[in-house]
Each structure stands twice: as structure tokens, then as C-alpha cells.
C-alpha atoms as a PDB file:
ATOM      1  CA  MET A   1      -5.583 -79.276 116.810  1.00  0.00           C
ATOM      2  CA  SER A   2      -8.696 -79.517 114.643  1.00  0.00           C
ATOM      3  CA  ASP A   3      -8.249 -79.601 110.872  1.00  0.00           C
ATOM      4  CA  GLY A   4     -11.567 -77.938 110.243  1.00  0.00           C
ATOM      5  CA  THR A   5     -13.821 -80.723 111.533  1.00  0.00           C
ATOM      6  CA  ALA A   6     -14.943 -78.694 114.573  1.00  0.00           C
ATOM      7  CA  PRO A   7     -18.333 -77.033 114.126  1.00  0.00           C
ATOM      8  CA  GLY A   8     -18.040 -73.671 112.394  1.00  0.00           C
ATOM      9  CA  LEU A   9     -14.481 -74.217 111.129  1.00  0.00           C
ATOM     10  CA  GLN A  10     -13.414 -74.900 107.566  1.00  0.00           C
ATOM     11  CA  LEU A  11      -9.840 -75.530 106.463  1.00  0.00           C
ATOM     12  CA  VAL A  12      -9.547 -73.526 103.231  1.00  0.00           C
ATOM     13  CA  LEU A  13      -5.800 -73.560 102.570  1.00  0.00           C
ATOM     14  CA  GLU A  14      -2.798 -75.535 103.716  1.00  0.00           C
ATOM     15  CA  THR A  15       0.840 -74.904 102.793  1.00  0.00           C
ATOM     16  CA  PRO A  16       4.013 -76.610 104.018  1.00  0.00           C
ATOM     17  CA  LEU A  17       4.242 -73.854 106.640  1.00  0.00           C
ATOM     18  CA  GLY A  18       0.691 -72.925 107.543  1.00  0.00           C
ATOM     19  CA  LYS A  19      -3.038 -73.498 107.723  1.00  0.00           C
ATOM     20  CA  LEU A  20      -5.842 -71.041 107.022  1.00  0.00           C
ATOM     21  CA  TYR A  21      -9.341 -71.579 108.389  1.00  0.00           C
ATOM     22  CA  ARG A  22     -12.630 -69.831 107.789  1.00  0.00           C
ATOM     23  CA  GLY A  23     -14.754 -69.307 110.882  1.00  0.00           C
ATOM     24  CA  ASP A  24     -14.785 -67.778 114.342  1.00  0.00           C
ATOM     25  CA  CYS A  25     -11.390 -67.207 115.918  1.00  0.00           C
ATOM     26  CA  LEU A  26     -12.784 -68.255 119.319  1.00  0.00           C
ATOM     27  CA  ASP A  27     -13.744 -71.645 117.926  1.00  0.00           C
ATOM     28  CA  LEU A  28     -10.260 -72.144 116.519  1.00  0.00           C
ATOM     29  CA  LEU A  29      -8.577 -70.964 119.702  1.00  0.00           C
ATOM     30  CA  ALA A  30     -10.633 -73.455 121.721  1.00  0.00           C
ATOM     31  CA  ALA A  31      -9.123 -76.240 119.585  1.00  0.00           C
ATOM     32  CA  MET A  32      -5.523 -75.045 119.996  1.00  0.00           C
ATOM     33  CA  GLU A  33      -3.161 -76.467 122.588  1.00  0.00           C
ATOM     34  CA  THR A  34      -2.050 -74.409 125.580  1.00  0.00           C
ATOM     35  CA  ALA A  35       1.442 -72.873 125.282  1.00  0.00           C
ATOM     36  CA  SER A  36       1.765 -73.917 121.626  1.00  0.00           C
ATOM     37  CA  VAL A  37       2.355 -70.575 119.854  1.00  0.00           C
ATOM     38  CA  ASP A  38       5.511 -68.438 119.792  1.00  0.00           C
ATOM     39  CA  LEU A  39       4.011 -65.191 118.496  1.00  0.00           C
ATOM     40  CA  VAL A  40       0.499 -63.757 118.199  1.00  0.00           C
ATOM     41  CA  PHE A  41      -0.269 -60.762 115.995  1.00  0.00           C
ATOM     42  CA  ALA A  42      -3.823 -59.418 116.302  1.00  0.00           C
ATOM     43  CA  ASP A  43      -5.395 -56.639 114.241  1.00  0.00           C
ATOM     44  CA  PRO A  44      -9.018 -56.814 115.443  1.00  0.00           C
ATOM     45  CA  PRO A  45     -11.935 -54.750 114.117  1.00  0.00           C
ATOM     46  CA  PHE A  46     -12.084 -51.284 115.637  1.00  0.00           C
ATOM     47  CA  ASN A  47     -15.853 -50.996 116.324  1.00  0.00           C
ATOM     48  CA  LEU A  48     -16.267 -47.760 114.379  1.00  0.00           C
ATOM     49  CA  LYS A  49     -19.905 -48.141 113.301  1.00  0.00           C
ATOM     50  CA  LYS A  50     -19.084 -48.827 109.662  1.00  0.00           C
ATOM     51  CA  ASP A  51     -21.570 -50.452 107.308  1.00  0.00           C
ATOM     52  CA  TYR A  52     -20.172 -53.741 106.094  1.00  0.00           C
ATOM     53  CA  GLY A  53     -23.378 -55.355 104.953  1.00  0.00           C
ATOM     54  CA  GLU A  54     -26.247 -57.310 106.401  1.00  0.00           C
ATOM     55  CA  GLY A  55     -25.577 -59.420 109.486  1.00  0.00           C
ATOM     56  CA  ILE A  56     -22.345 -57.696 110.547  1.00  0.00           C
ATOM     57  CA  ASN A  57     -22.528 -55.347 113.512  1.00  0.00           C
ATOM     58  CA  ASP A  58     -19.719 -52.822 113.830  1.00  0.00           C
ATOM     59  CA  ALA A  59     -21.615 -50.684 116.343  1.00  0.00           C
ATOM     60  CA  LEU A  60     -21.306 -52.567 119.614  1.00  0.00           C
ATOM     61  CA  ALA A  61     -21.622 -50.815 122.939  1.00  0.00           C
ATOM     62  CA  ASP A  62     -18.190 -50.082 124.368  1.00  0.00           C
ATOM     63  CA  ASP A  63     -18.587 -52.632 127.153  1.00  0.00           C
ATOM     64  CA  ASP A  64     -19.680 -55.321 124.699  1.00  0.00           C
ATOM     65  CA  TYR A  65     -16.738 -54.642 122.408  1.00  0.00           C
ATOM     66  CA  LEU A  66     -14.260 -54.797 125.276  1.00  0.00           C
ATOM     67  CA  ALA A  67     -15.877 -57.975 126.635  1.00  0.00           C
ATOM     68  CA  TRP A  68     -15.444 -59.620 123.238  1.00  0.00           C
ATOM     69  CA  CYS A  69     -11.823 -58.464 123.048  1.00  0.00           C
ATOM     70  CA  HIS A  70     -11.215 -59.902 126.509  1.00  0.00           C
ATOM     71  CA  LYS A  71     -12.450 -63.298 125.306  1.00  0.00           C
ATOM     72  CA  TRP A  72     -10.063 -63.645 122.415  1.00  0.00           C
ATOM     73  CA  LEU A  73      -7.183 -61.990 124.299  1.00  0.00           C
ATOM     74  CA  ALA A  74      -7.503 -64.462 127.172  1.00  0.00           C
ATOM     75  CA  GLU A  75      -7.467 -67.366 124.724  1.00  0.00           C
ATOM     76  CA  CYS A  76      -4.500 -65.928 122.837  1.00  0.00           C
ATOM     77  CA  VAL A  77      -2.559 -65.590 126.096  1.00  0.00           C
ATOM     78  CA  ARG A  78      -3.406 -69.195 126.960  1.00  0.00           C
ATOM     79  CA  VAL A  79      -1.853 -70.509 123.751  1.00  0.00           C
ATOM     80  CA  ILE A  80       1.334 -68.416 123.987  1.00  0.00           C
ATOM     81  CA  ALA A  81       4.359 -70.444 125.073  1.00  0.00           C
ATOM     82  CA  ASP A  82       6.741 -69.280 127.796  1.00  0.00           C
ATOM     83  CA  GLY A  83       8.857 -66.499 126.360  1.00  0.00           C
ATOM     84  CA  GLY A  84       6.408 -65.951 123.495  1.00  0.00           C
ATOM     85  CA  SER A  85       4.952 -62.574 122.565  1.00  0.00           C
ATOM     86  CA  ILE A  86       1.745 -60.872 121.497  1.00  0.00           C
ATOM     87  CA  PHE A  87       1.294 -57.711 119.421  1.00  0.00           C
ATOM     88  CA  VAL A  88      -2.108 -55.993 119.314  1.00  0.00           C
ATOM     89  CA  TYR A  89      -2.787 -53.339 116.658  1.00  0.00           C
ATOM     90  CA  ASN A  90      -5.673 -50.985 117.427  1.00  0.00           C
ATOM     91  CA  LEU A  91      -6.702 -47.428 118.155  1.00  0.00           C
ATOM     92  CA  PRO A  92      -5.113 -45.856 121.240  1.00  0.00           C
ATOM     93  CA  ARG A  93      -8.632 -45.576 122.679  1.00  0.00           C
ATOM     94  CA  TRP A  94      -9.008 -49.347 122.808  1.00  0.00           C
ATOM     95  CA  ASN A  95      -5.409 -50.360 123.401  1.00  0.00           C
ATOM     96  CA  VAL A  96      -5.339 -48.407 126.667  1.00  0.00           C
ATOM     97  CA  GLU A  97      -7.987 -50.834 127.916  1.00  0.00           C
ATOM     98  CA  LEU A  98      -6.552 -53.935 126.243  1.00  0.00           C
ATOM     99  CA  GLY A  99      -3.066 -53.290 127.578  1.00  0.00           C
ATOM    100  CA  HIS A 100      -4.440 -53.115 131.111  1.00  0.00           C
ATOM    101  CA  TYR A 101      -6.201 -56.425 130.569  1.00  0.00           C
ATOM    102  CA  LEU A 102      -3.037 -58.085 129.263  1.00  0.00           C
ATOM    103  CA  THR A 103      -1.282 -56.972 132.438  1.00  0.00           C
ATOM    104  CA  GLU A 104      -4.093 -58.511 134.497  1.00  0.00           C
ATOM    105  CA  LEU A 105      -3.573 -61.763 132.578  1.00  0.00           C
ATOM    106  CA  GLY A 106       0.022 -61.839 133.778  1.00  0.00           C
ATOM    107  CA  MET A 107       1.719 -60.737 130.573  1.00  0.00           C
ATOM    108  CA  THR A 108       4.842 -58.555 130.697  1.00  0.00           C
ATOM    109  CA  PHE A 109       4.646 -55.091 129.124  1.00  0.00           C
ATOM    110  CA  ARG A 110       7.371 -54.476 126.569  1.00  0.00           C
ATOM    111  CA  HIS A 111       6.334 -51.477 124.481  1.00  0.00           C
ATOM    112  CA  TRP A 112       3.603 -49.157 123.314  1.00  0.00           C
ATOM    113  CA  ILE A 113       4.683 -48.614 119.712  1.00  0.00           C
ATOM    114  CA  ALA A 114       3.330 -45.595 117.871  1.00  0.00           C
ATOM    115  CA  ILE A 115       2.771 -46.233 114.162  1.00  0.00           C
ATOM    116  CA  ASP A 116       2.753 -42.911 112.354  1.00  0.00           C
ATOM    117  CA  ILE A 117      -0.222 -42.620 110.008  1.00  0.00           C
ATOM    118  CA  LYS A 118      -0.447 -40.592 106.830  1.00  0.00           C
ATOM    119  CA  MET A 119      -3.413 -38.637 105.477  1.00  0.00           C
ATOM    120  CA  SER A 120      -5.479 -38.779 108.650  1.00  0.00           C
ATOM    121  CA  LEU A 121      -8.166 -36.139 109.146  1.00  0.00           C
ATOM    122  CA  PRO A 122      -8.376 -33.569 111.955  1.00  0.00           C
ATOM    123  CA  ILE A 123     -11.318 -33.812 114.366  1.00  0.00           C
ATOM    124  CA  PRO A 124     -12.975 -30.697 115.855  1.00  0.00           C
ATOM    125  CA  GLY A 125     -12.300 -30.289 119.557  1.00  0.00           C
ATOM    126  CA  ARG A 126      -9.414 -32.771 119.659  1.00  0.00           C
ATOM    127  CA  LEU A 127      -5.722 -32.919 118.906  1.00  0.00           C
ATOM    128  CA  TYR A 128      -4.906 -34.078 115.413  1.00  0.00           C
ATOM    129  CA  PRO A 129      -4.636 -37.910 115.628  1.00  0.00           C
ATOM    130  CA  SER A 130      -1.469 -39.136 113.967  1.00  0.00           C
ATOM    131  CA  HIS A 131      -0.704 -42.661 115.150  1.00  0.00           C
ATOM    132  CA  TYR A 132      -2.004 -46.166 115.586  1.00  0.00           C
ATOM    133  CA  SER A 133      -1.071 -48.109 118.688  1.00  0.00           C
ATOM    134  CA  LEU A 134       0.806 -51.408 118.570  1.00  0.00           C
ATOM    135  CA  LEU A 135       0.993 -53.117 121.973  1.00  0.00           C
ATOM    136  CA  TYR A 136       3.896 -55.487 122.569  1.00  0.00           C
ATOM    137  CA  TYR A 137       3.681 -57.882 125.538  1.00  0.00           C
ATOM    138  CA  SER A 138       5.570 -61.070 126.322  1.00  0.00           C
ATOM    139  CA  ASN A 139       4.891 -64.159 128.407  1.00  0.00           C
ATOM    140  CA  GLY A 140       7.716 -63.571 130.868  1.00  0.00           C
ATOM    141  CA  LYS A 141      11.179 -62.820 129.543  1.00  0.00           C
ATOM    142  CA  PRO A 142      11.062 -63.025 125.752  1.00  0.00           C
ATOM    143  CA  LYS A 143      12.977 -65.938 124.291  1.00  0.00           C
ATOM    144  CA  ARG A 144      13.281 -64.089 120.992  1.00  0.00           C
ATOM    145  CA  PHE A 145      14.217 -60.424 120.689  1.00  0.00           C
ATOM    146  CA  GLU A 146      16.082 -58.719 117.913  1.00  0.00           C
ATOM    147  CA  ARG A 147      16.324 -54.950 117.663  1.00  0.00           C
ATOM    148  CA  PRO A 148      16.389 -54.019 113.988  1.00  0.00           C
ATOM    149  CA  ARG A 149      18.264 -51.043 112.654  1.00  0.00           C
ATOM    150  CA  VAL A 150      16.759 -48.506 110.296  1.00  0.00           C
ATOM    151  CA  PRO A 151      18.477 -46.413 107.610  1.00  0.00           C
ATOM    152  CA  ILE A 152      19.861 -43.022 108.607  1.00  0.00           C
ATOM    153  CA  PRO A 153      17.246 -40.431 107.462  1.00  0.00           C
ATOM    154  CA  THR A 154      18.231 -38.389 104.443  1.00  0.00           C
ATOM    155  CA  CYS A 155      16.696 -35.397 102.699  1.00  0.00           C
ATOM    156  CA  ARG A 156      14.483 -36.502  99.828  1.00  0.00           C
ATOM    157  CA  HIS A 157      15.524 -33.405  97.850  1.00  0.00           C
ATOM    158  CA  CYS A 158      19.308 -33.248  98.229  1.00  0.00           C
ATOM    159  CA  GLY A 159      20.063 -36.726  99.540  1.00  0.00           C
ATOM    160  CA  GLY A 160      22.100 -35.421 102.475  1.00  0.00           C
ATOM    161  CA  ASP A 161      21.757 -36.448 106.106  1.00  0.00           C
ATOM    162  CA  ILE A 162      18.919 -34.663 107.904  1.00  0.00           C
ATOM    163  CA  LYS A 163      20.853 -34.496 111.218  1.00  0.00           C
ATOM    164  CA  ASP A 164      24.525 -33.974 111.937  1.00  0.00           C
ATOM    165  CA  TYR A 165      24.402 -36.138 115.096  1.00  0.00           C
ATOM    166  CA  GLY A 166      26.482 -33.666 117.054  1.00  0.00           C
ATOM    167  CA  GLY A 167      29.396 -34.040 114.717  1.00  0.00           C
ATOM    168  CA  HIS A 168      29.669 -37.769 115.413  1.00  0.00           C
ATOM    169  CA  ARG A 169      28.101 -39.006 112.203  1.00  0.00           C
ATOM    170  CA  ASN A 170      31.214 -41.039 111.399  1.00  0.00           C
ATOM    171  CA  LYS A 171      30.791 -42.999 114.635  1.00  0.00           C
ATOM    172  CA  LEU A 172      27.271 -44.240 113.860  1.00  0.00           C
ATOM    173  CA  ASN A 173      26.754 -47.918 113.156  1.00  0.00           C
ATOM    174  CA  PRO A 174      27.047 -48.462 109.378  1.00  0.00           C
ATOM    175  CA  ASP A 175      23.952 -50.688 109.527  1.00  0.00           C
ATOM    176  CA  GLY A 176      21.827 -47.723 110.618  1.00  0.00           C
ATOM    177  CA  LEU A 177      20.095 -46.388 113.714  1.00  0.00           C
ATOM    178  CA  ASN A 178      18.549 -48.386 116.539  1.00  0.00           C
ATOM    179  CA  LEU A 179      14.824 -48.823 116.061  1.00  0.00           C
ATOM    180  CA  THR A 180      12.728 -46.729 118.466  1.00  0.00           C
ATOM    181  CA  ASP A 181       9.143 -47.205 119.626  1.00  0.00           C
ATOM    182  CA  VAL A 182       7.909 -44.593 117.112  1.00  0.00           C
ATOM    183  CA  TRP A 183       7.712 -46.028 113.614  1.00  0.00           C
ATOM    184  CA  VAL A 184       7.434 -43.421 110.857  1.00  0.00           C
ATOM    185  CA  ASP A 185       8.432 -45.630 107.938  1.00  0.00           C
ATOM    186  CA  ILE A 186       5.407 -47.944 107.660  1.00  0.00           C
ATOM    187  CA  PRO A 187       3.599 -47.049 104.419  1.00  0.00           C
ATOM    188  CA  PRO A 188      -0.189 -47.340 104.255  1.00  0.00           C
ATOM    189  CA  VAL A 189      -1.593 -49.685 101.609  1.00  0.00           C
ATOM    190  CA  ARG A 190      -4.064 -47.494  99.762  1.00  0.00           C
ATOM    191  CA  HIS A 191      -3.402 -47.782  96.044  1.00  0.00           C
ATOM    192  CA  ARG A 192      -6.008 -49.961  94.357  1.00  0.00           C
ATOM    193  CA  GLY A 193      -3.309 -51.739  92.408  1.00  0.00           C
ATOM    194  CA  LEU A 194      -1.671 -52.870  95.643  1.00  0.00           C
ATOM    195  CA  LYS A 195      -4.735 -53.661  97.751  1.00  0.00           C
ATOM    196  CA  ARG A 196      -6.205 -57.146  97.967  1.00  0.00           C
ATOM    197  CA  ARG A 197      -9.556 -56.184  99.481  1.00  0.00           C
ATOM    198  CA  GLY A 198     -11.764 -53.112  99.920  1.00  0.00           C
ATOM    199  CA  ALA A 199     -11.096 -52.594 103.613  1.00  0.00           C
ATOM    200  CA  ASN A 200      -7.804 -51.576 105.159  1.00  0.00           C
ATOM    201  CA  GLU A 201      -4.732 -53.689 104.607  1.00  0.00           C
ATOM    202  CA  LEU A 202      -1.569 -53.688 106.668  1.00  0.00           C
ATOM    203  CA  SER A 203       1.824 -53.109 105.123  1.00  0.00           C
ATOM    204  CA  GLU A 204       4.041 -56.165 104.850  1.00  0.00           C
ATOM    205  CA  ARG A 205       6.837 -54.014 106.227  1.00  0.00           C
ATOM    206  CA  LEU A 206       4.986 -53.834 109.545  1.00  0.00           C
ATOM    207  CA  LEU A 207       4.643 -57.612 109.798  1.00  0.00           C
ATOM    208  CA  GLU A 208       8.203 -58.214 108.653  1.00  0.00           C
ATOM    209  CA  ARG A 209       9.416 -55.980 111.467  1.00  0.00           C
ATOM    210  CA  VAL A 210       7.217 -57.634 114.090  1.00  0.00           C
ATOM    211  CA  LEU A 211       8.310 -61.116 113.027  1.00  0.00           C
ATOM    212  CA  THR A 212      11.951 -60.006 112.999  1.00  0.00           C
ATOM    213  CA  ILE A 213      11.724 -58.585 116.523  1.00  0.00           C
ATOM    214  CA  ALA A 214       9.944 -61.458 118.241  1.00  0.00           C
ATOM    215  CA  SER A 215      10.333 -64.677 116.246  1.00  0.00           C
ATOM    216  CA  ALA A 216      12.848 -66.863 114.430  1.00  0.00           C
ATOM    217  CA  GLU A 217      12.710 -69.287 111.531  1.00  0.00           C
ATOM    218  CA  GLY A 218      10.633 -72.315 112.449  1.00  0.00           C
ATOM    219  CA  ASP A 219       8.589 -70.518 115.135  1.00  0.00           C
ATOM    220  CA  LEU A 220       4.793 -70.709 115.085  1.00  0.00           C
ATOM    221  CA  VAL A 221       2.873 -67.477 114.440  1.00  0.00           C
ATOM    222  CA  PHE A 222      -0.878 -67.086 115.004  1.00  0.00           C
ATOM    223  CA  ASP A 223      -3.102 -64.297 113.644  1.00  0.00           C
ATOM    224  CA  PRO A 224      -6.782 -64.561 114.667  1.00  0.00           C
ATOM    225  CA  PHE A 225      -8.032 -61.893 112.210  1.00  0.00           C
ATOM    226  CA  GLY A 226      -6.809 -62.828 108.762  1.00  0.00           C
ATOM    227  CA  GLY A 227      -8.005 -59.813 106.766  1.00  0.00           C
ATOM    228  CA  SER A 228      -5.988 -59.747 103.568  1.00  0.00           C
ATOM    229  CA  GLY A 229      -3.424 -62.274 104.814  1.00  0.00           C
ATOM    230  CA  THR A 230      -0.477 -59.944 105.379  1.00  0.00           C
ATOM    231  CA  THR A 231       0.724 -61.846 108.453  1.00  0.00           C
ATOM    232  CA  TYR A 232       0.601 -65.171 106.655  1.00  0.00           C
ATOM    233  CA  ALA A 233       2.375 -63.831 103.568  1.00  0.00           C
ATOM    234  CA  ALA A 234       5.179 -62.420 105.722  1.00  0.00           C
ATOM    235  CA  ALA A 235       5.419 -65.672 107.690  1.00  0.00           C
ATOM    236  CA  GLU A 236       5.689 -67.699 104.483  1.00  0.00           C
ATOM    237  CA  ARG A 237       8.454 -65.517 103.115  1.00  0.00           C
ATOM    238  CA  MET A 238      10.337 -65.474 106.445  1.00  0.00           C
ATOM    239  CA  HIS A 239      10.030 -69.256 106.979  1.00  0.00           C
ATOM    240  CA  ARG A 240       7.771 -69.135 110.038  1.00  0.00           C
ATOM    241  CA  HIS A 241       5.041 -71.676 110.608  1.00  0.00           C
ATOM    242  CA  TRP A 242       1.629 -70.064 110.923  1.00  0.00           C
ATOM    243  CA  ILE A 243      -2.031 -70.618 111.787  1.00  0.00           C
ATOM    244  CA  GLY A 244      -4.698 -68.190 110.627  1.00  0.00           C
ATOM    245  CA  ILE A 245      -8.425 -67.684 110.476  1.00  0.00           C
ATOM    246  CA  GLU A 246     -10.868 -65.236 108.886  1.00  0.00           C
ATOM    247  CA  LEU A 247     -14.561 -64.931 109.628  1.00  0.00           C
ATOM    248  CA  GLY A 248     -15.450 -63.389 106.284  1.00  0.00           C
ATOM    249  CA  ASP A 249     -14.269 -63.904 102.731  1.00  0.00           C
ATOM    250  CA  THR A 250     -11.024 -65.877 102.648  1.00  0.00           C
ATOM    251  CA  GLU A 251     -10.581 -65.705  98.871  1.00  0.00           C
ATOM    252  CA  PRO A 252      -8.279 -62.628  98.992  1.00  0.00           C
ATOM    253  CA  ILE A 253      -5.970 -64.531 101.339  1.00  0.00           C
ATOM    254  CA  VAL A 254      -6.059 -67.744  99.323  1.00  0.00           C
ATOM    255  CA  ALA A 255      -5.383 -65.837  96.108  1.00  0.00           C
ATOM    256  CA  ARG A 256      -2.514 -63.931  97.680  1.00  0.00           C
ATOM    257  CA  LEU A 257      -0.788 -67.011  99.065  1.00  0.00           C
ATOM    258  CA  SER A 258      -1.413 -68.890  95.813  1.00  0.00           C
ATOM    259  CA  GLY A 259       0.126 -66.144  93.698  1.00  0.00           C
ATOM    260  CA  ARG A 260      -3.148 -65.185  92.023  1.00  0.00           C
ATOM    261  CA  THR A 261      -4.665 -61.734  91.598  1.00  0.00           C
ATOM    262  CA  HIS A 262      -7.928 -60.875  93.306  1.00  0.00           C
ATOM    263  CA  HIS A 263     -10.508 -58.274  92.319  1.00  0.00           C
ATOM    264  CA  VAL A 264     -10.846 -55.566  94.979  1.00  0.00           C
ATOM    265  CA  ALA A 265     -14.427 -54.576  95.750  1.00  0.00           C
ATOM    266  CA  ALA A 266     -15.311 -50.998  96.613  1.00  0.00           C
ATOM    267  CA  PRO A 267     -14.732 -50.131 100.295  1.00  0.00           C
ATOM    268  CA  GLY A 268     -17.645 -50.285 102.711  1.00  0.00           C
ATOM    269  CA  ARG A 269     -19.423 -53.384 101.381  1.00  0.00           C
ATOM    270  CA  GLY A 270     -18.410 -57.002 101.298  1.00  0.00           C
ATOM    271  CA  ASP A 271     -15.658 -56.463 103.828  1.00  0.00           C
ATOM    272  CA  ALA A 272     -13.878 -59.369 105.393  1.00  0.00           C
ATOM    273  CA  GLY A 273     -16.044 -59.217 108.486  1.00  0.00           C
ATOM    274  CA  LYS A 274     -13.178 -60.005 110.774  1.00  0.00           C
ATOM    275  CA  GLY A 275     -13.849 -61.134 114.316  1.00  0.00           C
ATOM    276  CA  SER A 276     -16.236 -63.362 116.187  1.00  0.00           C
ATOM    277  CA  ASN A 277     -19.703 -64.423 115.133  1.00  0.00           C
ATOM    278  CA  ARG A 278     -20.621 -64.268 118.787  1.00  0.00           C
ATOM    279  CA  ALA A 279     -20.128 -60.527 118.985  1.00  0.00           C
ATOM    280  CA  ARG A 280     -20.324 -59.800 115.243  1.00  0.00           C
ATOM    281  CA  PRO A 281     -17.880 -56.912 114.850  1.00  0.00           C
ATOM    282  CA  THR A 282     -16.159 -56.506 111.520  1.00  0.00           C
ATOM    283  CA  ALA A 283     -12.963 -55.541 109.854  1.00  0.00           C
ATOM    284  CA  SER A 284     -11.061 -52.335 110.301  1.00  0.00           C
ATOM    285  CA  PRO A 285     -12.208 -49.545 107.962  1.00  0.00           C
ATOM    286  CA  ASP A 286     -10.105 -47.373 105.738  1.00  0.00           C
ATOM    287  CA  HIS A 287      -7.349 -45.489 107.534  1.00  0.00           C
ATOM    288  CA  GLN A 288      -8.771 -42.004 107.011  1.00  0.00           C
ATOM    289  CA  SER A 289     -11.720 -42.674 109.334  1.00  0.00           C
ATOM    290  CA  LEU A 290     -10.000 -44.408 112.211  1.00  0.00           C
ATOM    291  CA  PHE A 291     -10.412 -41.901 115.048  1.00  0.00           C
END
């Protein structure tokens, strides 16, 4: 694979486990070997008509946005090894379409995971939106699958169990409950002291769970939309190899993986501009405006 010598690609960081590039994810994907990746996690821009500065278009026509998504999805599927997996994080509106396309590409549907969101806003004439969609597909039978357990829910006031489990509480697994496809325990990253950039940032808990479910130590993880580097940070800590790329500013990622602090700019300007310079969408906006 290219080390940044291909046109439009720049290698900006290399660790013993991973490489981070700046440039267009489609250019990097074109340089990657077929069937070389064990897990892909993709959090693409959501095409919500946000203003992220001159030269970045987050207001594509629906067909243009989906056509661009089809390009990088097809390339991601090409690089996934037999038994590997892909997770795609997006609005339900888009993931309905993207899931259908993954099926057309021959991928095997595993789950539609609902990620409960906090502090969303109601929209007139519609049901109150309360979840993000996380698609989970595999290339045939997954070679890695671990079903995590989650703590038994307790009352935050009294500390007691919320449910009595039909009187069989003593028979529950001491390690907790089986994880379902509705995740209510993923905290949003909103506090300025915790954020590494102005736009949205995924919780490391989300990536830790994804990597736990569908990868093992030594596997290769690819994230085509670097953002703040959450995937790469989780991969480093969990001893996965990784490849990443970001179209916009990579300094928040480099600082994060280097253990340095990074000044967070105000939301709405100077965003990471995630995506492809062919289609020019940008990074996901703040969570409160996602639907």
C-alpha cells in the first residue's frame, strides 16, 4: 500500500500499530489491497446542509450523496477479508439506503443497532427522533464475534435493581446481561473539556464495543473518516492494527494519539471536512441537529 506518495495522500502519523493519512478516502482505498482488512468502521458526513467553511459542500442532492456513499462503500467491501465486518454509523434515513446497497454487494446482514441519543430535539409533524443507526454487515460468516455483557441496570437514586427478572435475579449471569441491538449506554461527547474538535465526536465506548464484537488483537481496522480519531485511539489501546484517513484537519487526531491537548474551535467553522474531495461533503454536525 502507498505510504503517502500517491497523489493527494500525505502520511501524517505512523505508530507501531497504525498509519494516518490526510487526503481523500477514495484515493487511499484505491491503494489498498483486496481482502486485506478485518474490520471497517465508517462514520461518514450526514449531508445536513451545515456551513463548514469555504469549499466544503454539505448540501448535496440526495442522489449525489448516495452515489458518493456507494463509491466508498464498494471500495470498503472490496478490501474486507473473508469473515471480516463493516459497521456504518449514520442517520436512519441514509442507512436504510446504504444497508440495501451492502446487501447488493453481497454482504451478510447482521444487525441494525439503535444507538440511543440524548438531548435531541423534537421536529414538528414527525415522531421524536431518538436514535442513530449503526449497520453491522459481514463478508460471509464472521470469523470474529463476541457478544459483550452489560451491567444489570440499577436505580440511580436507591442503587437497587430496576427489574426483578421474574424472581430469577439470582440466576442471572454474574457478568451481566447479554448485549441487545439497542444501546442506551453510549454517552455523547459534548463537554468542551472532553471534545477534541468543534464538530461531533464519537464516544470511545462505542468504538471499544464495536472492536470487541468484531475483531481481535492483531486484526487490521480501517476507518475512512478520521474525524477526531476515536477509532484509532480505541484500536491503539486494544492492540489492533489500523489505517486511517481524514480529508480535513488531522491535527486533532495527531495530538490525541501523541498525548497532547488540542484547542477546540467553535462548532460550525473549521470542521474536519470529512469525506471525499470528489463529492465534497463534510463532517457530521453536532448531535442536536441530526434529524
